[in-house]
Amino acid sequence: MATSMSSMTLVTSWGQITVSFAEGCVSACDLPALKQPMKTLSLGRADVRRVAPADRHAARLSEHYLRGLFTGQPSERPPVKQPPGTALQQAVWAALLGIPRGRVETYGSLARRIGRPRAARAIGQACGANPVPLFIPCHRVIAANGSLGGFSSGLAWKEYLLDVEAIPVAGEVRP
């Protein structure tokens, strides 16, 4: 049986965010690369012309979720298709869902929590491999010294997402 793939784009002042769907669930999320941090993000329309009928409900939920995420008014997360990955990646992505909005955890503490206390660097790599970064919140993981660490779509995105959640991050030199 073939899996349907469809996508929606959300126009923002930073560029287009593309959310892909499969089997009525979010399957990928691509963010535009930023050259420099920006303090505000304006949202335009969502283009749903390439959304398959089976994915329309997930697309509506995703648009609502993203608008809430970017304005600090959270809503229920849409269904997310389990991304393919290694056993460690799967464990990290599942653990990320347990970090509450407005809180952060260090790479090291997340490694200890999943029973891999010496794997902080691998935790960072698993966060970087997250194909749905706005839906599985890898931005809530920071370095032990309080700096941002990394983010697959660039630190400007991570800084913005943490700011929207009112999470202060110490130790980071911000331009």
N, C-alpha and C. Protein backbone atom coordinates (compact mmCIF):
# COMPACT_ATOMS: atom_id res chain seq x y z
N MET A 1 0.84 -1.18 0.00
CA MET A 1 0.00 0.00 0.00
C MET A 1 0.88 1.24 0.00
N ALA A 2 0.66 2.15 -0.91
CA ALA A 2 1.46 3.37 -1.02
C ALA A 2 1.05 4.38 0.04
N THR A 3 2.04 5.09 0.57
CA THR A 3 1.80 6.12 1.57
C THR A 3 1.64 7.45 0.86
N SER A 4 0.57 8.17 1.19
CA SER A 4 0.39 9.48 0.57
C SER A 4 1.30 10.49 1.26
N MET A 5 1.85 11.39 0.51
CA MET A 5 2.66 12.48 1.06
C MET A 5 2.09 13.78 0.53
N SER A 6 1.87 14.68 1.44
CA SER A 6 1.39 15.99 1.03
C SER A 6 2.03 17.02 1.93
N SER A 7 1.90 18.29 1.58
CA SER A 7 2.55 19.32 2.38
C SER A 7 1.77 20.64 2.36
N MET A 8 2.05 21.43 3.39
CA MET A 8 1.47 22.76 3.54
C MET A 8 2.64 23.71 3.76
N THR A 9 2.53 24.92 3.24
CA THR A 9 3.52 25.93 3.54
C THR A 9 2.84 27.06 4.31
N LEU A 10 3.55 27.56 5.30
CA LEU A 10 3.08 28.69 6.09
C LEU A 10 4.03 29.85 5.80
N VAL A 11 3.49 30.90 5.22
CA VAL A 11 4.29 32.06 4.86
C VAL A 11 4.54 32.88 6.13
N THR A 12 5.82 33.19 6.38
CA THR A 12 6.19 34.02 7.54
C THR A 12 7.12 35.13 7.06
N SER A 13 7.37 36.07 7.94
CA SER A 13 8.31 37.15 7.61
C SER A 13 9.74 36.63 7.51
N TRP A 14 10.00 35.43 7.97
CA TRP A 14 11.33 34.84 7.91
C TRP A 14 11.48 33.91 6.71
N GLY A 15 10.42 33.65 5.99
CA GLY A 15 10.43 32.71 4.88
C GLY A 15 9.32 31.70 5.05
N GLN A 16 9.33 30.67 4.23
CA GLN A 16 8.26 29.68 4.27
C GLN A 16 8.63 28.49 5.15
N ILE A 17 7.69 28.09 5.99
CA ILE A 17 7.82 26.86 6.76
C ILE A 17 7.01 25.81 6.00
N THR A 18 7.62 24.68 5.74
CA THR A 18 6.92 23.60 5.05
C THR A 18 6.71 22.46 6.03
N VAL A 19 5.46 22.04 6.15
CA VAL A 19 5.10 20.91 6.99
C VAL A 19 4.59 19.81 6.06
N SER A 20 5.19 18.64 6.17
CA SER A 20 4.78 17.49 5.35
C SER A 20 3.94 16.54 6.18
N PHE A 21 3.06 15.83 5.49
CA PHE A 21 2.13 14.91 6.16
C PHE A 21 2.17 13.55 5.48
N ALA A 22 1.90 12.53 6.26
CA ALA A 22 1.74 11.17 5.76
C ALA A 22 0.76 10.46 6.68
N GLU A 23 -0.21 9.82 6.09
CA GLU A 23 -1.18 9.03 6.85
C GLU A 23 -1.89 9.85 7.93
N GLY A 24 -2.19 11.12 7.63
CA GLY A 24 -2.92 11.96 8.56
C GLY A 24 -2.10 12.50 9.71
N CYS A 25 -0.78 12.42 9.61
CA CYS A 25 0.11 12.88 10.67
C CYS A 25 1.21 13.78 10.10
N VAL A 26 1.77 14.65 10.94
CA VAL A 26 2.94 15.44 10.56
C VAL A 26 4.11 14.47 10.41
N SER A 27 4.84 14.58 9.30
CA SER A 27 5.98 13.69 9.08
C SER A 27 7.30 14.43 8.93
N ALA A 28 7.27 15.72 8.63
CA ALA A 28 8.49 16.50 8.50
C ALA A 28 8.14 17.98 8.63
N CYS A 29 9.14 18.76 8.99
CA CYS A 29 8.96 20.21 9.12
C CYS A 29 10.27 20.87 8.72
N ASP A 30 10.22 21.71 7.71
CA ASP A 30 11.41 22.40 7.23
C ASP A 30 11.27 23.89 7.49
N LEU A 31 12.29 24.45 8.14
CA LEU A 31 12.31 25.88 8.46
C LEU A 31 13.29 26.60 7.56
N PRO A 32 13.00 27.84 7.19
CA PRO A 32 13.96 28.59 6.37
C PRO A 32 15.20 28.94 7.18
N ALA A 33 16.35 28.92 6.53
CA ALA A 33 17.60 29.30 7.19
C ALA A 33 17.61 30.82 7.37
N LEU A 34 18.16 31.25 8.48
CA LEU A 34 18.25 32.68 8.77
C LEU A 34 19.71 33.09 8.86
N LYS A 35 20.03 34.25 8.32
CA LYS A 35 21.39 34.76 8.39
C LYS A 35 21.65 35.45 9.73
N GLN A 36 20.61 36.02 10.31
CA GLN A 36 20.75 36.74 11.58
C GLN A 36 19.47 36.61 12.39
N PRO A 37 19.59 36.74 13.72
CA PRO A 37 18.39 36.64 14.55
C PRO A 37 17.43 37.78 14.27
N MET A 38 16.16 37.49 14.38
CA MET A 38 15.12 38.51 14.21
C MET A 38 14.25 38.43 15.46
N LYS A 39 13.74 39.56 15.90
CA LYS A 39 12.96 39.58 17.13
C LYS A 39 11.49 39.28 16.92
N THR A 40 10.97 39.57 15.76
CA THR A 40 9.54 39.32 15.56
C THR A 40 9.34 38.42 14.35
N LEU A 41 8.29 37.68 14.43
CA LEU A 41 7.93 36.77 13.34
C LEU A 41 6.47 37.03 13.02
N SER A 42 6.21 37.48 11.80
CA SER A 42 4.81 37.66 11.40
C SER A 42 4.38 36.49 10.54
N LEU A 43 3.15 36.11 10.76
CA LEU A 43 2.61 34.95 10.04
C LEU A 43 1.62 35.40 8.99
N GLY A 44 1.75 34.81 7.83
CA GLY A 44 0.81 35.07 6.75
C GLY A 44 -0.12 33.89 6.58
N ARG A 45 -0.45 33.64 5.37
CA ARG A 45 -1.41 32.59 5.06
C ARG A 45 -0.72 31.23 4.98
N ALA A 46 -1.53 30.21 5.16
CA ALA A 46 -1.06 28.84 4.96
C ALA A 46 -1.55 28.40 3.59
N ASP A 47 -0.66 27.86 2.80
CA ASP A 47 -1.01 27.33 1.49
C ASP A 47 -1.22 25.82 1.64
N VAL A 48 -2.45 25.41 1.50
CA VAL A 48 -2.80 24.00 1.71
C VAL A 48 -3.19 23.30 0.40
N ARG A 49 -2.84 23.89 -0.73
CA ARG A 49 -3.21 23.30 -2.03
C ARG A 49 -2.60 21.93 -2.26
N ARG A 50 -1.45 21.66 -1.64
CA ARG A 50 -0.79 20.36 -1.85
C ARG A 50 -1.06 19.39 -0.70
N VAL A 51 -2.12 19.62 0.05
CA VAL A 51 -2.48 18.72 1.14
C VAL A 51 -3.50 17.71 0.63
N ALA A 52 -3.18 16.45 0.79
CA ALA A 52 -4.09 15.37 0.36
C ALA A 52 -5.32 15.36 1.26
N PRO A 53 -6.45 14.93 0.75
CA PRO A 53 -7.67 14.89 1.57
C PRO A 53 -7.48 14.17 2.90
N ALA A 54 -6.71 13.08 2.93
CA ALA A 54 -6.50 12.32 4.17
C ALA A 54 -5.69 13.10 5.21
N ASP A 55 -4.99 14.16 4.76
CA ASP A 55 -4.12 14.92 5.66
C ASP A 55 -4.69 16.29 6.04
N ARG A 56 -5.86 16.64 5.54
CA ARG A 56 -6.40 17.98 5.76
C ARG A 56 -6.63 18.30 7.23
N HIS A 57 -7.13 17.35 7.99
CA HIS A 57 -7.37 17.59 9.42
C HIS A 57 -6.04 17.87 10.13
N ALA A 58 -5.02 17.07 9.84
CA ALA A 58 -3.69 17.28 10.43
C ALA A 58 -3.12 18.63 10.01
N ALA A 59 -3.38 19.04 8.77
CA ALA A 59 -2.90 20.35 8.30
C ALA A 59 -3.56 21.49 9.07
N ARG A 60 -4.89 21.39 9.26
CA ARG A 60 -5.59 22.44 10.04
C ARG A 60 -5.06 22.50 11.47
N LEU A 61 -4.88 21.34 12.10
CA LEU A 61 -4.34 21.30 13.46
C LEU A 61 -2.92 21.86 13.50
N SER A 62 -2.12 21.55 12.48
CA SER A 62 -0.74 22.02 12.43
C SER A 62 -0.67 23.54 12.29
N GLU A 63 -1.51 24.09 11.43
CA GLU A 63 -1.51 25.54 11.28
C GLU A 63 -1.91 26.21 12.60
N HIS A 64 -2.93 25.70 13.25
CA HIS A 64 -3.38 26.25 14.53
C HIS A 64 -2.27 26.12 15.58
N TYR A 65 -1.63 24.98 15.62
CA TYR A 65 -0.55 24.73 16.56
C TYR A 65 0.61 25.70 16.33
N LEU A 66 1.02 25.88 15.07
CA LEU A 66 2.15 26.77 14.77
C LEU A 66 1.82 28.22 15.10
N ARG A 67 0.62 28.65 14.78
CA ARG A 67 0.23 30.02 15.14
C ARG A 67 0.28 30.21 16.65
N GLY A 68 -0.18 29.23 17.40
CA GLY A 68 -0.11 29.31 18.86
C GLY A 68 1.32 29.27 19.37
N LEU A 69 2.14 28.41 18.77
CA LEU A 69 3.54 28.30 19.17
C LEU A 69 4.26 29.63 19.01
N PHE A 70 4.03 30.30 17.87
CA PHE A 70 4.75 31.54 17.57
C PHE A 70 4.19 32.76 18.30
N THR A 71 3.01 32.66 18.85
CA THR A 71 2.44 33.81 19.57
C THR A 71 2.40 33.57 21.07
N GLY A 72 2.94 32.45 21.52
CA GLY A 72 2.96 32.18 22.95
C GLY A 72 1.62 31.71 23.49
N GLN A 73 0.73 31.29 22.60
CA GLN A 73 -0.59 30.79 23.01
C GLN A 73 -0.69 29.34 22.54
N PRO A 74 -0.13 28.43 23.34
CA PRO A 74 -0.04 27.04 22.88
C PRO A 74 -1.39 26.38 22.68
N SER A 75 -1.41 25.47 21.75
CA SER A 75 -2.59 24.65 21.50
C SER A 75 -2.12 23.20 21.44
N GLU A 76 -3.05 22.30 21.29
CA GLU A 76 -2.73 20.89 21.25
C GLU A 76 -1.86 20.58 20.03
N ARG A 77 -0.85 19.76 20.26
CA ARG A 77 0.05 19.34 19.18
C ARG A 77 -0.68 18.37 18.27
N PRO A 78 -0.56 18.54 16.95
CA PRO A 78 -1.20 17.61 16.02
C PRO A 78 -0.52 16.24 16.10
N PRO A 79 -1.15 15.22 15.54
CA PRO A 79 -0.50 13.91 15.54
C PRO A 79 0.78 13.95 14.70
N VAL A 80 1.82 13.32 15.23
CA VAL A 80 3.11 13.29 14.56
C VAL A 80 3.46 11.84 14.26
N LYS A 81 3.81 11.58 13.02
CA LYS A 81 4.23 10.22 12.62
C LYS A 81 5.59 9.96 13.25
N GLN A 82 5.75 8.80 13.87
CA GLN A 82 7.02 8.44 14.49
C GLN A 82 8.13 8.50 13.44
N PRO A 83 9.09 9.42 13.61
CA PRO A 83 10.16 9.51 12.61
C PRO A 83 11.04 8.27 12.63
N PRO A 84 11.56 7.86 11.48
CA PRO A 84 12.50 6.75 11.49
C PRO A 84 13.81 7.21 12.11
N GLY A 85 14.48 6.33 12.82
CA GLY A 85 15.75 6.69 13.45
C GLY A 85 16.31 5.53 14.24
N THR A 86 17.48 5.75 14.79
CA THR A 86 18.12 4.73 15.61
C THR A 86 17.37 4.60 16.94
N ALA A 87 17.72 3.58 17.70
CA ALA A 87 17.09 3.39 19.01
C ALA A 87 17.38 4.59 19.91
N LEU A 88 18.60 5.12 19.86
CA LEU A 88 18.93 6.29 20.67
C LEU A 88 18.11 7.50 20.23
N GLN A 89 18.03 7.74 18.93
CA GLN A 89 17.23 8.87 18.44
C GLN A 89 15.78 8.74 18.89
N GLN A 90 15.22 7.54 18.78
CA GLN A 90 13.84 7.32 19.20
C GLN A 90 13.67 7.64 20.68
N ALA A 91 14.63 7.20 21.51
CA ALA A 91 14.55 7.47 22.95
C ALA A 91 14.65 8.97 23.24
N VAL A 92 15.53 9.66 22.53
CA VAL A 92 15.69 11.10 22.73
C VAL A 92 14.42 11.83 22.31
N TRP A 93 13.88 11.52 21.14
CA TRP A 93 12.69 12.21 20.65
C TRP A 93 11.51 11.98 21.57
N ALA A 94 11.38 10.77 22.12
CA ALA A 94 10.30 10.50 23.07
C ALA A 94 10.51 11.31 24.35
N ALA A 95 11.75 11.41 24.81
CA ALA A 95 12.06 12.17 26.02
C ALA A 95 11.82 13.67 25.83
N LEU A 96 12.07 14.17 24.62
CA LEU A 96 11.85 15.60 24.34
C LEU A 96 10.39 15.98 24.56
N LEU A 97 9.48 15.07 24.26
CA LEU A 97 8.05 15.34 24.44
C LEU A 97 7.69 15.51 25.92
N GLY A 98 8.57 15.03 26.80
CA GLY A 98 8.33 15.16 28.24
C GLY A 98 8.87 16.43 28.85
N ILE A 99 9.53 17.27 28.06
CA ILE A 99 10.01 18.56 28.59
C ILE A 99 8.88 19.55 28.46
N PRO A 100 8.34 20.04 29.58
CA PRO A 100 7.18 20.94 29.50
C PRO A 100 7.52 22.28 28.85
N ARG A 101 6.52 22.87 28.25
CA ARG A 101 6.63 24.21 27.69
C ARG A 101 7.10 25.15 28.79
N GLY A 102 8.04 26.03 28.44
CA GLY A 102 8.55 26.99 29.41
C GLY A 102 9.70 26.48 30.25
N ARG A 103 10.16 25.26 29.98
CA ARG A 103 11.27 24.66 30.74
C ARG A 103 12.34 24.20 29.76
N VAL A 104 13.57 24.09 30.26
CA VAL A 104 14.66 23.53 29.47
C VAL A 104 15.32 22.41 30.24
N GLU A 105 16.09 21.63 29.54
CA GLU A 105 16.88 20.55 30.12
C GLU A 105 18.22 20.57 29.40
N THR A 106 19.28 20.17 30.08
CA THR A 106 20.59 20.14 29.42
C THR A 106 20.74 18.82 28.66
N TYR A 107 21.69 18.83 27.70
CA TYR A 107 21.98 17.61 26.95
C TYR A 107 22.38 16.50 27.93
N GLY A 108 23.20 16.84 28.92
CA GLY A 108 23.66 15.86 29.90
C GLY A 108 22.54 15.31 30.76
N SER A 109 21.65 16.17 31.23
CA SER A 109 20.56 15.66 32.08
C SER A 109 19.60 14.81 31.26
N LEU A 110 19.40 15.16 30.01
CA LEU A 110 18.55 14.33 29.14
C LEU A 110 19.21 12.97 28.92
N ALA A 111 20.53 12.97 28.75
CA ALA A 111 21.27 11.71 28.58
C ALA A 111 21.09 10.83 29.82
N ARG A 112 21.21 11.42 31.00
CA ARG A 112 21.01 10.64 32.23
C ARG A 112 19.58 10.14 32.34
N ARG A 113 18.63 10.97 31.97
CA ARG A 113 17.22 10.60 32.09
C ARG A 113 16.87 9.39 31.21
N ILE A 114 17.51 9.27 30.06
CA ILE A 114 17.19 8.12 29.19
C ILE A 114 18.14 6.94 29.43
N GLY A 115 18.96 7.04 30.49
CA GLY A 115 19.83 5.92 30.84
C GLY A 115 21.11 5.83 30.06
N ARG A 116 21.54 6.94 29.46
CA ARG A 116 22.79 6.99 28.69
C ARG A 116 23.64 8.15 29.20
N PRO A 117 24.11 8.09 30.47
CA PRO A 117 24.74 9.24 31.12
C PRO A 117 25.98 9.81 30.44
N ARG A 118 26.63 9.05 29.60
CA ARG A 118 27.85 9.54 28.94
C ARG A 118 27.59 9.93 27.49
N ALA A 119 26.33 10.08 27.12
CA ALA A 119 25.98 10.29 25.71
C ALA A 119 25.49 11.71 25.41
N ALA A 120 25.94 12.70 26.16
CA ALA A 120 25.45 14.07 25.93
C ALA A 120 25.67 14.53 24.49
N ARG A 121 26.81 14.23 23.93
CA ARG A 121 27.09 14.64 22.54
C ARG A 121 26.15 13.92 21.57
N ALA A 122 25.91 12.65 21.81
CA ALA A 122 24.98 11.88 20.96
C ALA A 122 23.56 12.42 21.10
N ILE A 123 23.22 12.91 22.29
CA ILE A 123 21.90 13.52 22.50
C ILE A 123 21.78 14.74 21.59
N GLY A 124 22.83 15.55 21.55
CA GLY A 124 22.83 16.72 20.67
C GLY A 124 22.68 16.34 19.22
N GLN A 125 23.33 15.26 18.81
CA GLN A 125 23.21 14.80 17.43
C GLN A 125 21.80 14.30 17.13
N ALA A 126 21.19 13.63 18.09
CA ALA A 126 19.81 13.16 17.91
C ALA A 126 18.85 14.34 17.81
N CYS A 127 19.09 15.36 18.62
CA CYS A 127 18.25 16.58 18.52
C CYS A 127 18.41 17.20 17.14
N GLY A 128 19.63 17.24 16.64
CA GLY A 128 19.88 17.81 15.32
C GLY A 128 19.27 17.01 14.19
N ALA A 129 19.04 15.73 14.42
CA ALA A 129 18.45 14.86 13.39
C ALA A 129 16.92 14.84 13.45
N ASN A 130 16.33 15.55 14.40
CA ASN A 130 14.88 15.58 14.57
C ASN A 130 14.23 16.17 13.31
N PRO A 131 13.43 15.38 12.58
CA PRO A 131 12.83 15.89 11.35
C PRO A 131 11.60 16.78 11.56
N VAL A 132 11.15 16.90 12.79
CA VAL A 132 9.96 17.72 13.09
C VAL A 132 10.25 18.66 14.27
N PRO A 133 11.23 19.57 14.11
CA PRO A 133 11.71 20.35 15.26
C PRO A 133 10.68 21.24 15.92
N LEU A 134 9.65 21.67 15.24
CA LEU A 134 8.63 22.51 15.90
C LEU A 134 7.59 21.66 16.62
N PHE A 135 7.54 20.39 16.31
CA PHE A 135 6.52 19.50 16.87
C PHE A 135 7.08 18.58 17.95
N ILE A 136 8.36 18.23 17.87
CA ILE A 136 9.09 17.54 18.94
C ILE A 136 10.12 18.56 19.40
N PRO A 137 9.93 19.15 20.59
CA PRO A 137 10.62 20.39 20.99
C PRO A 137 12.09 20.26 21.37
N CYS A 138 12.95 20.03 20.39
CA CYS A 138 14.39 19.93 20.66
C CYS A 138 15.00 21.28 21.04
N HIS A 139 14.28 22.38 20.79
CA HIS A 139 14.81 23.70 21.18
C HIS A 139 14.88 23.85 22.70
N ARG A 140 14.23 22.98 23.45
CA ARG A 140 14.22 23.07 24.91
C ARG A 140 15.42 22.37 25.55
N VAL A 141 16.39 21.96 24.75
CA VAL A 141 17.60 21.33 25.27
C VAL A 141 18.76 22.29 25.05
N ILE A 142 19.49 22.56 26.15
CA ILE A 142 20.59 23.53 26.10
C ILE A 142 21.86 22.91 26.66
N ALA A 143 22.97 23.63 26.52
CA ALA A 143 24.26 23.17 27.02
C ALA A 143 24.33 23.31 28.54
N ALA A 144 25.22 22.56 29.16
CA ALA A 144 25.38 22.56 30.62
C ALA A 144 25.78 23.93 31.16
N ASN A 145 26.49 24.72 30.35
CA ASN A 145 26.91 26.04 30.81
C ASN A 145 25.83 27.11 30.64
N GLY A 146 24.65 26.70 30.20
CA GLY A 146 23.55 27.63 30.03
C GLY A 146 23.46 28.25 28.66
N SER A 147 24.43 27.94 27.78
CA SER A 147 24.36 28.50 26.42
C SER A 147 23.36 27.69 25.59
N LEU A 148 23.04 28.21 24.43
CA LEU A 148 22.01 27.59 23.61
C LEU A 148 22.37 26.21 23.09
N GLY A 149 23.64 25.95 22.85
CA GLY A 149 24.01 24.69 22.20
C GLY A 149 23.79 24.85 20.71
N GLY A 150 23.12 23.91 20.08
CA GLY A 150 22.88 23.98 18.65
C GLY A 150 21.40 23.84 18.34
N PHE A 151 21.10 23.97 17.06
CA PHE A 151 19.73 23.76 16.58
C PHE A 151 19.82 23.53 15.08
N SER A 152 19.14 22.51 14.60
CA SER A 152 19.26 22.11 13.20
C SER A 152 18.90 23.21 12.21
N SER A 153 18.01 24.09 12.59
CA SER A 153 17.58 25.15 11.69
C SER A 153 18.24 26.50 12.00
N GLY A 154 19.25 26.48 12.86
CA GLY A 154 19.98 27.68 13.20
C GLY A 154 19.59 28.23 14.56
N LEU A 155 20.57 28.86 15.20
CA LEU A 155 20.35 29.37 16.56
C LEU A 155 19.33 30.50 16.63
N ALA A 156 19.13 31.23 15.53
CA ALA A 156 18.11 32.30 15.54
C ALA A 156 16.74 31.70 15.83
N TRP A 157 16.45 30.54 15.24
CA TRP A 157 15.17 29.88 15.50
C TRP A 157 15.08 29.44 16.96
N LYS A 158 16.15 28.82 17.47
CA LYS A 158 16.13 28.33 18.85
C LYS A 158 15.94 29.49 19.82
N GLU A 159 16.68 30.55 19.60
CA GLU A 159 16.55 31.73 20.46
C GLU A 159 15.12 32.28 20.42
N TYR A 160 14.56 32.37 19.24
CA TYR A 160 13.19 32.89 19.11
C TYR A 160 12.20 31.99 19.85
N LEU A 161 12.29 30.68 19.64
CA LEU A 161 11.36 29.75 20.29
C LEU A 161 11.48 29.81 21.81
N LEU A 162 12.69 29.92 22.32
CA LEU A 162 12.88 30.04 23.77
C LEU A 162 12.33 31.37 24.28
N ASP A 163 12.53 32.44 23.51
CA ASP A 163 11.98 33.75 23.90
C ASP A 163 10.46 33.73 23.95
N VAL A 164 9.82 33.11 22.96
CA VAL A 164 8.36 33.03 22.93
C VAL A 164 7.84 32.27 24.15
N GLU A 165 8.62 31.26 24.59
CA GLU A 165 8.22 30.50 25.77
C GLU A 165 8.68 31.17 27.06
N ALA A 166 9.29 32.35 26.95
CA ALA A 166 9.77 33.12 28.11
C ALA A 166 10.79 32.33 28.91
N ILE A 167 11.70 31.64 28.21
CA ILE A 167 12.76 30.88 28.86
C ILE A 167 14.05 31.69 28.76
N PRO A 168 14.55 32.19 29.89
CA PRO A 168 15.83 32.90 29.85
C PRO A 168 16.98 31.90 29.69
N VAL A 169 17.92 32.22 28.85
CA VAL A 169 19.09 31.36 28.66
C VAL A 169 20.31 32.20 28.95
N ALA A 170 21.06 31.78 29.96
CA ALA A 170 22.26 32.51 30.38
C ALA A 170 23.46 32.00 29.63
N GLY A 171 24.52 32.80 29.60
CA GLY A 171 25.78 32.36 29.06
C GLY A 171 25.92 32.44 27.55
N GLU A 172 24.90 32.84 26.85
CA GLU A 172 24.97 32.90 25.39
C GLU A 172 25.27 34.33 24.96
N VAL A 173 26.22 34.48 24.06
CA VAL A 173 26.50 35.80 23.49
C VAL A 173 25.55 35.97 22.32
N ARG A 174 24.65 36.90 22.45
CA ARG A 174 23.65 37.12 21.40
C ARG A 174 23.96 38.43 20.68
N PRO A 175 23.91 38.42 19.35
CA PRO A 175 24.21 39.63 18.57
C PRO A 175 23.18 40.72 18.80
